[in-house]
Amino acid sequence: MANTSQPVRRTALLAGGLAVLGLLSACGSENGTSGTPPPSHSARASDAAPSAGTATDPGTAAAAGTPSDTAGSASASARTDGRCHTSELRAAVGRLDPGAGQRNFPLVLTNTSERTCTVYGYPGAAFVDASGRQLGPDPERAPGSPETLTLTPGASAWAGLSFSSPEISGARTATPAALLVTPPDERASLKVEWTAGAVPVGGNASSVSVTALEAGSGP
């Protein structure tokens, strides 16, 4: 009886041991499948890096700057035309061109800027004394047909300043210290030293006249 129960007990123990081994193997197999490491956080950040880098990529930044460059070009283009401003011009009084009882001088405006600009119409002119006080009335505008003149850098336009010889007209005279020349449609004037002697400043309001601007530096 005892001999019969011992083999049965051994068989039971062996079967139990095999069952435990099978259970351990099964657990190891499950851990191996579900334990495959997921991508780490750093790996995901690395995957996202190219997208983030695109926004700050130097090449992309340069492309984003293109509108500014284009705007700059448009601004430069806009400076190639438009009215000449006083600050862009130099004024001068040319050589006396005497006529029959007349004294005629070219008033010359020269473009000293680096852009092309335009002038149209009549310049303003006023004789002044050393203190800046105007002598006589403003010159009258002589009849004419003004044209828009395009002045490239260094180019000039001129208008004729004329008055009757004081000896003939009998007008009251004064010797100006300077002539103030105002470009068309501008408020600021250019001061030119006057060295041509006495001019009529009273007795005949129409004794001084100015013509419309023409291309060039004189007749």
C-alpha atoms as a PDB file:
ATOM      1  CA  MET A   1       0.000   0.000   0.000  1.00  0.00           C
ATOM      2  CA  ALA A   2       2.844   2.337   0.987  1.00  0.00           C
ATOM      3  CA  ASN A   3       4.803   1.378  -2.119  1.00  0.00           C
ATOM      4  CA  THR A   4       1.829   2.215  -4.305  1.00  0.00           C
ATOM      5  CA  SER A   5       1.258   5.743  -2.809  1.00  0.00           C
ATOM      6  CA  GLN A   6       4.904   6.880  -3.111  1.00  0.00           C
ATOM      7  CA  PRO A   7       5.075   6.613  -6.927  1.00  0.00           C
ATOM      8  CA  VAL A   8       1.736   8.398  -7.150  1.00  0.00           C
ATOM      9  CA  ARG A   9       3.006  11.207  -4.939  1.00  0.00           C
ATOM     10  CA  ARG A  10       6.170  11.569  -7.057  1.00  0.00           C
ATOM     11  CA  THR A  11       4.114  11.668 -10.189  1.00  0.00           C
ATOM     12  CA  ALA A  12       1.925  14.373  -8.678  1.00  0.00           C
ATOM     13  CA  LEU A  13       4.966  16.409  -7.615  1.00  0.00           C
ATOM     14  CA  LEU A  14       6.497  16.088 -11.087  1.00  0.00           C
ATOM     15  CA  ALA A  15       3.284  17.169 -12.751  1.00  0.00           C
ATOM     16  CA  GLY A  16       3.041  20.136 -10.389  1.00  0.00           C
ATOM     17  CA  GLY A  17       6.629  21.173 -11.159  1.00  0.00           C
ATOM     18  CA  LEU A  18       5.998  21.012 -14.892  1.00  0.00           C
ATOM     19  CA  ALA A  19       2.887  23.145 -14.468  1.00  0.00           C
ATOM     20  CA  VAL A  20       4.877  25.788 -12.570  1.00  0.00           C
ATOM     21  CA  LEU A  21       7.558  25.844 -15.304  1.00  0.00           C
ATOM     22  CA  GLY A  22       4.889  26.210 -17.961  1.00  0.00           C
ATOM     23  CA  LEU A  23       3.351  29.124 -16.065  1.00  0.00           C
ATOM     24  CA  LEU A  24       6.731  30.864 -15.714  1.00  0.00           C
ATOM     25  CA  SER A  25       7.408  30.438 -19.447  1.00  0.00           C
ATOM     26  CA  ALA A  26       4.029  31.868 -20.299  1.00  0.00           C
ATOM     27  CA  CYS A  27       4.623  34.913 -18.067  1.00  0.00           C
ATOM     28  CA  GLY A  28       8.051  35.505 -19.638  1.00  0.00           C
ATOM     29  CA  SER A  29       6.548  35.374 -23.092  1.00  0.00           C
ATOM     30  CA  GLU A  30       3.860  37.935 -22.229  1.00  0.00           C
ATOM     31  CA  ASN A  31       6.379  40.325 -20.686  1.00  0.00           C
ATOM     32  CA  GLY A  32       8.539  40.115 -23.816  1.00  0.00           C
ATOM     33  CA  THR A  33       5.675  41.163 -26.125  1.00  0.00           C
ATOM     34  CA  SER A  34       4.191  43.999 -24.118  1.00  0.00           C
ATOM     35  CA  GLY A  35       7.592  45.163 -22.884  1.00  0.00           C
ATOM     36  CA  THR A  36       8.880  46.329 -26.241  1.00  0.00           C
ATOM     37  CA  PRO A  37      10.068  49.830 -25.196  1.00  0.00           C
ATOM     38  CA  PRO A  38       7.869  52.589 -26.702  1.00  0.00           C
ATOM     39  CA  PRO A  39       9.657  55.477 -28.327  1.00  0.00           C
ATOM     40  CA  SER A  40      11.196  57.611 -25.615  1.00  0.00           C
ATOM     41  CA  HIS A  41      10.173  61.277 -25.135  1.00  0.00           C
ATOM     42  CA  SER A  42      13.550  62.391 -26.439  1.00  0.00           C
ATOM     43  CA  ALA A  43      13.095  60.350 -29.576  1.00  0.00           C
ATOM     44  CA  ARG A  44       9.743  61.999 -30.213  1.00  0.00           C
ATOM     45  CA  ALA A  45      11.251  65.453 -29.691  1.00  0.00           C
ATOM     46  CA  SER A  46      13.958  64.567 -32.167  1.00  0.00           C
ATOM     47  CA  ASP A  47      11.334  63.526 -34.702  1.00  0.00           C
ATOM     48  CA  ALA A  48       9.581  66.871 -34.240  1.00  0.00           C
ATOM     49  CA  ALA A  49      12.820  68.886 -34.500  1.00  0.00           C
ATOM     50  CA  PRO A  50      12.840  69.215 -38.316  1.00  0.00           C
ATOM     51  CA  SER A  51       9.423  70.960 -38.312  1.00  0.00           C
ATOM     52  CA  ALA A  52      10.453  73.284 -35.544  1.00  0.00           C
ATOM     53  CA  GLY A  53      13.737  73.957 -37.321  1.00  0.00           C
ATOM     54  CA  THR A  54      12.007  74.929 -40.562  1.00  0.00           C
ATOM     55  CA  ALA A  55      10.628  78.113 -39.044  1.00  0.00           C
ATOM     56  CA  THR A  56      14.057  79.305 -37.928  1.00  0.00           C
ATOM     57  CA  ASP A  57      16.071  77.848 -40.788  1.00  0.00           C
ATOM     58  CA  PRO A  58      18.361  80.560 -42.197  1.00  0.00           C
ATOM     59  CA  GLY A  59      17.156  79.839 -45.703  1.00  0.00           C
ATOM     60  CA  THR A  60      13.553  80.180 -44.619  1.00  0.00           C
ATOM     61  CA  ALA A  61      14.333  83.389 -42.767  1.00  0.00           C
ATOM     62  CA  ALA A  62      15.916  84.821 -45.892  1.00  0.00           C
ATOM     63  CA  ALA A  63      12.829  83.970 -47.898  1.00  0.00           C
ATOM     64  CA  ALA A  64      10.660  85.646 -45.286  1.00  0.00           C
ATOM     65  CA  GLY A  65      12.765  88.770 -45.656  1.00  0.00           C
ATOM     66  CA  THR A  66      12.028  89.017 -49.365  1.00  0.00           C
ATOM     67  CA  PRO A  67       8.964  91.280 -48.935  1.00  0.00           C
ATOM     68  CA  SER A  68      11.133  93.827 -47.111  1.00  0.00           C
ATOM     69  CA  ASP A  69      13.729  93.662 -49.864  1.00  0.00           C
ATOM     70  CA  THR A  70      10.987  94.152 -52.438  1.00  0.00           C
ATOM     71  CA  ALA A  71       9.591  97.080 -50.506  1.00  0.00           C
ATOM     72  CA  GLY A  72      13.072  98.593 -50.455  1.00  0.00           C
ATOM     73  CA  SER A  73      13.318  98.254 -54.221  1.00  0.00           C
ATOM     74  CA  ALA A  74       9.900  99.858 -54.623  1.00  0.00           C
ATOM     75  CA  SER A  75      10.990 102.703 -52.366  1.00  0.00           C
ATOM     76  CA  ALA A  76      14.146 103.226 -54.443  1.00  0.00           C
ATOM     77  CA  SER A  77      12.063 103.175 -57.616  1.00  0.00           C
ATOM     78  CA  ALA A  78       9.694 105.766 -56.176  1.00  0.00           C
ATOM     79  CA  ARG A  79      12.629 108.137 -55.685  1.00  0.00           C
ATOM     80  CA  THR A  80      13.358 108.282 -59.398  1.00  0.00           C
ATOM     81  CA  ASP A  81      10.583 110.769 -60.134  1.00  0.00           C
ATOM     82  CA  GLY A  82       8.457 113.486 -58.546  1.00  0.00           C
ATOM     83  CA  ARG A  83       8.957 117.186 -57.970  1.00  0.00           C
ATOM     84  CA  CYS A  84      12.408 118.579 -57.249  1.00  0.00           C
ATOM     85  CA  HIS A  85      12.582 119.951 -53.727  1.00  0.00           C
ATOM     86  CA  THR A  86      14.554 122.999 -52.663  1.00  0.00           C
ATOM     87  CA  SER A  87      17.029 120.845 -50.713  1.00  0.00           C
ATOM     88  CA  GLU A  88      17.845 118.968 -53.928  1.00  0.00           C
ATOM     89  CA  LEU A  89      18.654 122.049 -56.003  1.00  0.00           C
ATOM     90  CA  ARG A  90      21.355 124.683 -56.325  1.00  0.00           C
ATOM     91  CA  ALA A  91      20.543 128.167 -57.623  1.00  0.00           C
ATOM     92  CA  ALA A  92      22.822 130.491 -59.543  1.00  0.00           C
ATOM     93  CA  VAL A  93      22.555 133.732 -61.501  1.00  0.00           C
ATOM     94  CA  GLY A  94      24.130 133.515 -64.930  1.00  0.00           C
ATOM     95  CA  ARG A  95      25.996 136.103 -66.930  1.00  0.00           C
ATOM     96  CA  LEU A  96      24.276 139.338 -67.972  1.00  0.00           C
ATOM     97  CA  ASP A  97      22.698 139.187 -71.418  1.00  0.00           C
ATOM     98  CA  PRO A  98      22.056 142.849 -72.309  1.00  0.00           C
ATOM     99  CA  GLY A  99      19.244 143.850 -74.657  1.00  0.00           C
ATOM    100  CA  ALA A 100      17.817 147.112 -75.957  1.00  0.00           C
ATOM    101  CA  GLY A 101      17.306 148.993 -72.721  1.00  0.00           C
ATOM    102  CA  GLN A 102      17.011 145.675 -70.874  1.00  0.00           C
ATOM    103  CA  ARG A 103      19.117 143.688 -68.460  1.00  0.00           C
ATOM    104  CA  ASN A 104      18.551 139.966 -68.663  1.00  0.00           C
ATOM    105  CA  PHE A 105      19.937 137.259 -66.409  1.00  0.00           C
ATOM    106  CA  PRO A 106      19.354 133.496 -66.426  1.00  0.00           C
ATOM    107  CA  LEU A 107      18.277 132.052 -63.067  1.00  0.00           C
ATOM    108  CA  VAL A 108      19.660 128.519 -63.095  1.00  0.00           C
ATOM    109  CA  LEU A 109      18.412 125.624 -60.974  1.00  0.00           C
ATOM    110  CA  THR A 110      20.637 122.537 -60.938  1.00  0.00           C
ATOM    111  CA  ASN A 111      19.696 119.115 -59.603  1.00  0.00           C
ATOM    112  CA  THR A 112      22.308 118.252 -56.969  1.00  0.00           C
ATOM    113  CA  SER A 113      20.549 115.130 -55.690  1.00  0.00           C
ATOM    114  CA  GLU A 114      21.152 111.507 -56.676  1.00  0.00           C
ATOM    115  CA  ARG A 115      17.676 111.054 -58.116  1.00  0.00           C
ATOM    116  CA  THR A 116      15.825 112.275 -61.182  1.00  0.00           C
ATOM    117  CA  CYS A 117      13.137 114.862 -60.458  1.00  0.00           C
ATOM    118  CA  THR A 118      10.983 117.379 -62.288  1.00  0.00           C
ATOM    119  CA  VAL A 119      10.297 121.122 -62.299  1.00  0.00           C
ATOM    120  CA  TYR A 120       7.347 122.903 -63.832  1.00  0.00           C
ATOM    121  CA  GLY A 121       6.379 126.539 -64.150  1.00  0.00           C
ATOM    122  CA  TYR A 122       7.900 129.722 -62.806  1.00  0.00           C
ATOM    123  CA  PRO A 123      10.461 130.130 -60.026  1.00  0.00           C
ATOM    124  CA  GLY A 124       9.887 132.764 -57.388  1.00  0.00           C
ATOM    125  CA  ALA A 125      12.410 135.610 -57.106  1.00  0.00           C
ATOM    126  CA  ALA A 126      12.934 138.409 -54.621  1.00  0.00           C
ATOM    127  CA  PHE A 127      15.720 140.929 -54.144  1.00  0.00           C
ATOM    128  CA  VAL A 128      16.716 141.424 -50.489  1.00  0.00           C
ATOM    129  CA  ASP A 129      19.086 143.677 -48.600  1.00  0.00           C
ATOM    130  CA  ALA A 130      21.735 142.565 -46.115  1.00  0.00           C
ATOM    131  CA  SER A 131      19.146 142.234 -43.349  1.00  0.00           C
ATOM    132  CA  GLY A 132      16.943 140.011 -45.508  1.00  0.00           C
ATOM    133  CA  ARG A 133      14.289 142.664 -46.144  1.00  0.00           C
ATOM    134  CA  GLN A 134      12.700 142.443 -49.578  1.00  0.00           C
ATOM    135  CA  LEU A 135      13.436 145.277 -51.989  1.00  0.00           C
ATOM    136  CA  GLY A 136      10.592 146.090 -54.341  1.00  0.00           C
ATOM    137  CA  PRO A 137       7.623 143.949 -55.385  1.00  0.00           C
ATOM    138  CA  ASP A 138       7.747 140.375 -56.627  1.00  0.00           C
ATOM    139  CA  PRO A 139       8.630 140.080 -60.319  1.00  0.00           C
ATOM    140  CA  GLU A 140       5.757 139.629 -62.738  1.00  0.00           C
ATOM    141  CA  ARG A 141       5.419 136.419 -64.706  1.00  0.00           C
ATOM    142  CA  ALA A 142       6.075 136.888 -68.392  1.00  0.00           C
ATOM    143  CA  PRO A 143       3.594 135.185 -70.723  1.00  0.00           C
ATOM    144  CA  GLY A 144       4.673 131.675 -71.666  1.00  0.00           C
ATOM    145  CA  SER A 145       3.754 128.001 -71.951  1.00  0.00           C
ATOM    146  CA  PRO A 146       5.373 126.086 -69.079  1.00  0.00           C
ATOM    147  CA  GLU A 147       6.435 122.496 -69.636  1.00  0.00           C
ATOM    148  CA  THR A 148       7.393 119.744 -67.207  1.00  0.00           C
ATOM    149  CA  LEU A 149      11.173 119.445 -67.283  1.00  0.00           C
ATOM    150  CA  THR A 150      12.927 116.270 -66.147  1.00  0.00           C
ATOM    151  CA  LEU A 151      16.229 116.889 -64.396  1.00  0.00           C
ATOM    152  CA  THR A 152      18.596 113.977 -64.057  1.00  0.00           C
ATOM    153  CA  PRO A 153      21.331 114.352 -61.419  1.00  0.00           C
ATOM    154  CA  GLY A 154      23.509 117.294 -62.471  1.00  0.00           C
ATOM    155  CA  ALA A 155      21.045 118.643 -65.076  1.00  0.00           C
ATOM    156  CA  SER A 156      19.750 122.228 -65.026  1.00  0.00           C
ATOM    157  CA  ALA A 157      16.778 124.383 -65.953  1.00  0.00           C
ATOM    158  CA  TRP A 158      16.726 128.141 -66.279  1.00  0.00           C
ATOM    159  CA  ALA A 159      14.310 131.066 -66.234  1.00  0.00           C
ATOM    160  CA  GLY A 160      14.952 134.567 -67.522  1.00  0.00           C
ATOM    161  CA  LEU A 161      15.012 137.456 -65.029  1.00  0.00           C
ATOM    162  CA  SER A 162      14.654 140.797 -66.810  1.00  0.00           C
ATOM    163  CA  PHE A 163      14.225 144.440 -65.936  1.00  0.00           C
ATOM    164  CA  SER A 164      14.526 147.753 -67.691  1.00  0.00           C
ATOM    165  CA  SER A 165      17.786 149.611 -67.290  1.00  0.00           C
ATOM    166  CA  PRO A 166      17.210 152.039 -64.394  1.00  0.00           C
ATOM    167  CA  GLU A 167      18.813 154.818 -66.396  1.00  0.00           C
ATOM    168  CA  ILE A 168      16.072 154.475 -68.993  1.00  0.00           C
ATOM    169  CA  SER A 169      13.072 153.639 -66.836  1.00  0.00           C
ATOM    170  CA  GLY A 170      13.800 156.301 -64.245  1.00  0.00           C
ATOM    171  CA  ALA A 171      12.632 153.901 -61.545  1.00  0.00           C
ATOM    172  CA  ARG A 172      13.843 154.191 -57.992  1.00  0.00           C
ATOM    173  CA  THR A 173      16.706 151.760 -57.478  1.00  0.00           C
ATOM    174  CA  ALA A 174      18.533 149.874 -54.749  1.00  0.00           C
ATOM    175  CA  THR A 175      21.493 147.560 -54.715  1.00  0.00           C
ATOM    176  CA  PRO A 176      20.470 144.154 -53.330  1.00  0.00           C
ATOM    177  CA  ALA A 177      22.738 141.985 -51.254  1.00  0.00           C
ATOM    178  CA  ALA A 178      21.150 138.792 -52.526  1.00  0.00           C
ATOM    179  CA  LEU A 179      18.456 137.259 -54.684  1.00  0.00           C
ATOM    180  CA  LEU A 180      16.144 134.669 -53.160  1.00  0.00           C
ATOM    181  CA  VAL A 181      15.110 132.005 -55.677  1.00  0.00           C
ATOM    182  CA  THR A 182      12.201 129.710 -54.839  1.00  0.00           C
ATOM    183  CA  PRO A 183      11.744 126.566 -56.975  1.00  0.00           C
ATOM    184  CA  PRO A 184       8.233 125.977 -58.346  1.00  0.00           C
ATOM    185  CA  ASP A 185       5.725 124.640 -55.800  1.00  0.00           C
ATOM    186  CA  GLU A 186       8.246 124.966 -52.961  1.00  0.00           C
ATOM    187  CA  ARG A 187       8.240 127.275 -49.943  1.00  0.00           C
ATOM    188  CA  ALA A 188      11.926 127.268 -49.012  1.00  0.00           C
ATOM    189  CA  SER A 189      14.231 129.566 -50.997  1.00  0.00           C
ATOM    190  CA  LEU A 190      17.814 129.440 -52.205  1.00  0.00           C
ATOM    191  CA  LYS A 191      19.942 132.492 -51.494  1.00  0.00           C
ATOM    192  CA  VAL A 192      22.261 133.733 -54.231  1.00  0.00           C
ATOM    193  CA  GLU A 193      24.682 136.610 -53.793  1.00  0.00           C
ATOM    194  CA  TRP A 194      23.777 139.512 -56.080  1.00  0.00           C
ATOM    195  CA  THR A 195      26.758 141.249 -57.710  1.00  0.00           C
ATOM    196  CA  ALA A 196      25.108 142.876 -60.742  1.00  0.00           C
ATOM    197  CA  GLY A 197      24.519 146.313 -59.245  1.00  0.00           C
ATOM    198  CA  ALA A 198      21.371 148.384 -58.813  1.00  0.00           C
ATOM    199  CA  VAL A 199      17.928 147.114 -59.692  1.00  0.00           C
ATOM    200  CA  PRO A 200      14.569 148.940 -59.935  1.00  0.00           C
ATOM    201  CA  VAL A 201      12.607 148.623 -56.710  1.00  0.00           C
ATOM    202  CA  GLY A 202       9.952 151.320 -57.061  1.00  0.00           C
ATOM    203  CA  GLY A 203       8.176 153.647 -59.467  1.00  0.00           C
ATOM    204  CA  ASN A 204       7.239 150.876 -61.887  1.00  0.00           C
ATOM    205  CA  ALA A 205       5.795 147.702 -60.422  1.00  0.00           C
ATOM    206  CA  SER A 206       6.156 145.793 -63.686  1.00  0.00           C
ATOM    207  CA  SER A 207       9.774 146.644 -64.356  1.00  0.00           C
ATOM    208  CA  VAL A 208      11.039 143.197 -63.237  1.00  0.00           C
ATOM    209  CA  SER A 209       9.761 139.994 -64.827  1.00  0.00           C
ATOM    210  CA  VAL A 210      10.572 136.286 -64.799  1.00  0.00           C
ATOM    211  CA  THR A 211       9.904 133.659 -67.471  1.00  0.00           C
ATOM    212  CA  ALA A 212       8.885 130.032 -67.158  1.00  0.00           C
ATOM    213  CA  LEU A 213      11.654 127.460 -66.717  1.00  0.00           C
ATOM    214  CA  GLU A 214      13.315 125.961 -69.756  1.00  0.00           C
ATOM    215  CA  ALA A 215      15.781 123.119 -70.127  1.00  0.00           C
ATOM    216  CA  GLY A 216      19.468 123.970 -69.957  1.00  0.00           C
ATOM    217  CA  SER A 217      21.523 126.606 -68.199  1.00  0.00           C
ATOM    218  CA  GLY A 218      20.770 129.667 -70.287  1.00  0.00           C
ATOM    219  CA  PRO A 219      20.033 131.101 -73.746  1.00  0.00           C
END
